Amino acid sequence: MTFQRILIAAISACAIAGALPASAEDKHDHGAEHGHKEEKAHFEKVSFGSVKEAWAFMKAKVGEAETLVSENKIEPVHEIGEQLEGAIHTLEEKSDMVTEANKPKLASVLKQLDKSADELHHAAEGKDADAAALGVKKIKGLLPLVEGLYPAGTLQ
């Protein structure tokens, strides 16, 4: 009798557990709950005609952000963080020269870079100098990884 009760309890638990992820996903929009979908650009968007142009902008702005953060001038870094996201999206959309073997790697690194740029943007928006410094450090660490996935000379 005990075995049957355990078996029934296990089957019931599996049935309930199997139903939970489906109900959790049903009409659940995490981004909407926290206002991320409503988030608009605070600054004028910068567009880039090529990967080379986006890369040059990114390198210059990361250097500028690093200088500003070291001088504890966090407010201008807010705009830079937002503009970096545009440059990253250009790399995502226009990097057709990357080999097929490197495309998944590039997508992964660009995803990390986009997340770091967003963190920088929000840190500067919140005037959090330590978080902004960390954001710049993360971005600087990812740039050589991105560059190494492109054919030599492509980004120069």
Protein backbone atom coordinates (compact mmCIF):
# COMPACT_ATOMS: atom_id res chain seq x y z
CA MET A 1 0.00 0.00 0.00
CA THR A 2 2.84 2.41 0.80
CA PHE A 3 4.43 1.81 -2.61
CA GLN A 4 1.17 2.76 -4.35
CA ARG A 5 0.89 5.99 -2.37
CA ILE A 6 4.47 6.93 -3.20
CA LEU A 7 3.90 6.12 -6.86
CA ILE A 8 0.71 8.20 -7.00
CA ALA A 9 2.41 11.08 -5.19
CA ALA A 10 5.37 10.95 -7.60
CA ILE A 11 3.12 10.90 -10.66
CA SER A 12 1.08 13.79 -9.28
CA ALA A 13 4.22 15.80 -8.53
CA CYS A 14 5.54 15.21 -12.06
CA ALA A 15 2.22 16.26 -13.57
CA ILE A 16 2.14 19.45 -11.52
CA ALA A 17 5.80 20.24 -12.18
CA GLY A 18 5.30 19.67 -15.89
CA ALA A 19 2.43 22.13 -15.97
CA LEU A 20 4.22 24.90 -14.06
CA PRO A 21 6.70 26.07 -16.72
CA ALA A 22 3.89 26.33 -19.25
CA SER A 23 1.79 28.45 -16.94
CA ALA A 24 4.79 30.57 -15.99
CA GLU A 25 5.45 31.39 -19.64
CA ASP A 26 1.80 31.98 -20.42
CA LYS A 27 1.42 35.71 -21.05
CA HIS A 28 4.40 36.49 -18.83
CA ASP A 29 6.47 39.39 -20.08
CA HIS A 30 9.31 40.16 -17.70
CA GLY A 31 10.46 43.18 -19.69
CA ALA A 32 7.03 44.80 -19.70
CA GLU A 33 6.68 44.36 -15.94
CA HIS A 34 9.80 46.41 -15.35
CA GLY A 35 9.26 49.06 -18.02
CA HIS A 36 12.03 47.88 -20.36
CA LYS A 37 9.75 47.86 -23.40
CA GLU A 38 8.84 51.48 -22.78
CA GLU A 39 12.46 52.53 -22.50
CA LYS A 40 13.24 55.12 -25.13
CA ALA A 41 16.57 56.50 -26.19
CA HIS A 42 17.52 59.52 -24.11
CA PHE A 43 19.91 60.80 -26.75
CA GLU A 44 20.04 61.04 -30.51
CA LYS A 45 20.78 57.66 -32.03
CA VAL A 46 23.97 57.36 -34.00
CA SER A 47 23.88 55.26 -37.15
CA PHE A 48 26.81 53.70 -38.94
CA GLY A 49 27.24 52.86 -42.59
CA SER A 50 29.81 50.15 -42.03
CA VAL A 51 31.36 47.84 -39.49
CA LYS A 52 34.62 49.79 -39.77
CA GLU A 53 32.85 53.06 -38.92
CA ALA A 54 31.02 51.49 -35.95
CA TRP A 55 34.25 49.95 -34.66
CA ALA A 56 36.19 53.24 -34.89
CA PHE A 57 33.37 55.01 -33.04
CA MET A 58 33.28 52.32 -30.39
CA LYS A 59 37.03 52.38 -29.74
CA ALA A 60 37.04 56.19 -29.50
CA LYS A 61 34.01 56.33 -27.20
CA VAL A 62 35.28 53.59 -24.89
CA GLY A 63 38.52 55.56 -24.49
CA GLU A 64 36.52 58.71 -23.84
CA ALA A 65 34.32 56.92 -21.29
CA GLU A 66 37.39 55.56 -19.52
CA THR A 67 38.84 59.07 -19.23
CA LEU A 68 35.56 60.55 -18.01
CA VAL A 69 35.07 57.83 -15.40
CA SER A 70 38.64 58.27 -14.14
CA GLU A 71 37.88 61.99 -13.73
CA ASN A 72 34.61 61.10 -11.94
CA LYS A 73 32.57 62.79 -14.70
CA ILE A 74 29.82 60.21 -14.92
CA GLU A 75 26.97 62.17 -16.53
CA PRO A 76 28.44 62.25 -20.10
CA VAL A 77 29.11 58.49 -19.90
CA HIS A 78 25.35 57.94 -19.92
CA GLU A 79 25.13 59.10 -23.54
CA ILE A 80 28.23 57.14 -24.53
CA GLY A 81 26.77 53.93 -23.10
CA GLU A 82 23.61 54.38 -25.12
CA GLN A 83 25.51 55.20 -28.31
CA LEU A 84 27.74 52.15 -27.90
CA GLU A 85 24.64 49.99 -28.09
CA GLY A 86 23.97 51.40 -31.59
CA ALA A 87 27.51 50.60 -32.70
CA ILE A 88 27.21 47.06 -31.34
CA HIS A 89 23.96 46.54 -33.22
CA THR A 90 25.70 47.65 -36.42
CA LEU A 91 28.36 44.99 -35.82
CA GLU A 92 25.61 42.42 -35.29
CA GLU A 93 23.82 43.36 -38.49
CA LYS A 94 26.67 44.06 -40.91
CA SER A 95 29.41 41.55 -40.06
CA ASP A 96 28.95 39.36 -43.13
CA MET A 97 32.73 39.22 -43.68
CA VAL A 98 33.20 37.06 -40.56
CA THR A 99 33.80 33.38 -41.33
CA GLU A 100 31.01 30.90 -40.69
CA ALA A 101 33.12 29.27 -37.96
CA ASN A 102 33.45 32.61 -36.14
CA LYS A 103 29.85 33.82 -36.49
CA PRO A 104 28.52 32.00 -33.39
CA LYS A 105 31.51 33.22 -31.37
CA LEU A 106 30.98 36.77 -32.59
CA ALA A 107 27.28 36.63 -31.76
CA SER A 108 28.13 35.48 -28.24
CA VAL A 109 30.78 38.15 -27.65
CA LEU A 110 28.56 40.89 -29.09
CA LYS A 111 25.76 39.79 -26.79
CA GLN A 112 28.12 40.17 -23.82
CA LEU A 113 29.33 43.50 -25.17
CA ASP A 114 25.76 44.74 -25.58
CA LYS A 115 24.95 43.70 -22.02
CA SER A 116 28.06 45.48 -20.72
CA ALA A 117 27.21 48.64 -22.68
CA ASP A 118 23.70 48.55 -21.23
CA GLU A 119 25.16 48.14 -17.73
CA LEU A 120 27.46 51.11 -18.38
CA HIS A 121 24.54 53.16 -19.64
CA HIS A 122 22.43 52.38 -16.56
CA ALA A 123 25.34 52.87 -14.15
CA ALA A 124 26.02 56.32 -15.58
CA GLU A 125 22.32 57.12 -15.60
CA GLY A 126 22.26 56.26 -11.90
CA LYS A 127 25.50 58.21 -11.35
CA ASP A 128 27.19 55.10 -9.94
CA ALA A 129 30.89 55.72 -10.58
CA ASP A 130 32.06 52.29 -9.40
CA ALA A 131 29.57 50.44 -11.61
CA ALA A 132 30.46 52.70 -14.55
CA ALA A 133 34.16 51.96 -14.06
CA LEU A 134 33.39 48.24 -14.00
CA GLY A 135 31.29 48.60 -17.16
CA VAL A 136 34.15 50.31 -18.99
CA LYS A 137 36.55 47.61 -17.81
CA LYS A 138 34.25 44.84 -19.09
CA ILE A 139 33.84 46.54 -22.46
CA LYS A 140 37.59 47.08 -22.82
CA GLY A 141 38.16 43.41 -22.04
CA LEU A 142 35.71 42.30 -24.72
CA LEU A 143 36.99 44.53 -27.54
CA PRO A 144 40.08 42.40 -28.36
CA LEU A 145 37.85 39.31 -28.48
CA VAL A 146 35.57 41.00 -31.00
CA GLU A 147 38.47 42.25 -33.10
CA GLY A 148 40.09 38.80 -33.20
CA LEU A 149 37.02 37.28 -34.85
CA TYR A 150 37.18 39.52 -37.92
CA PRO A 151 39.52 38.95 -40.85
CA ALA A 152 42.80 40.85 -40.41
CA GLY A 153 42.51 44.54 -41.31
CA THR A 154 38.72 44.55 -41.56
CA LEU A 155 38.18 46.89 -38.64
CA GLN A 156 41.19 49.17 -39.30
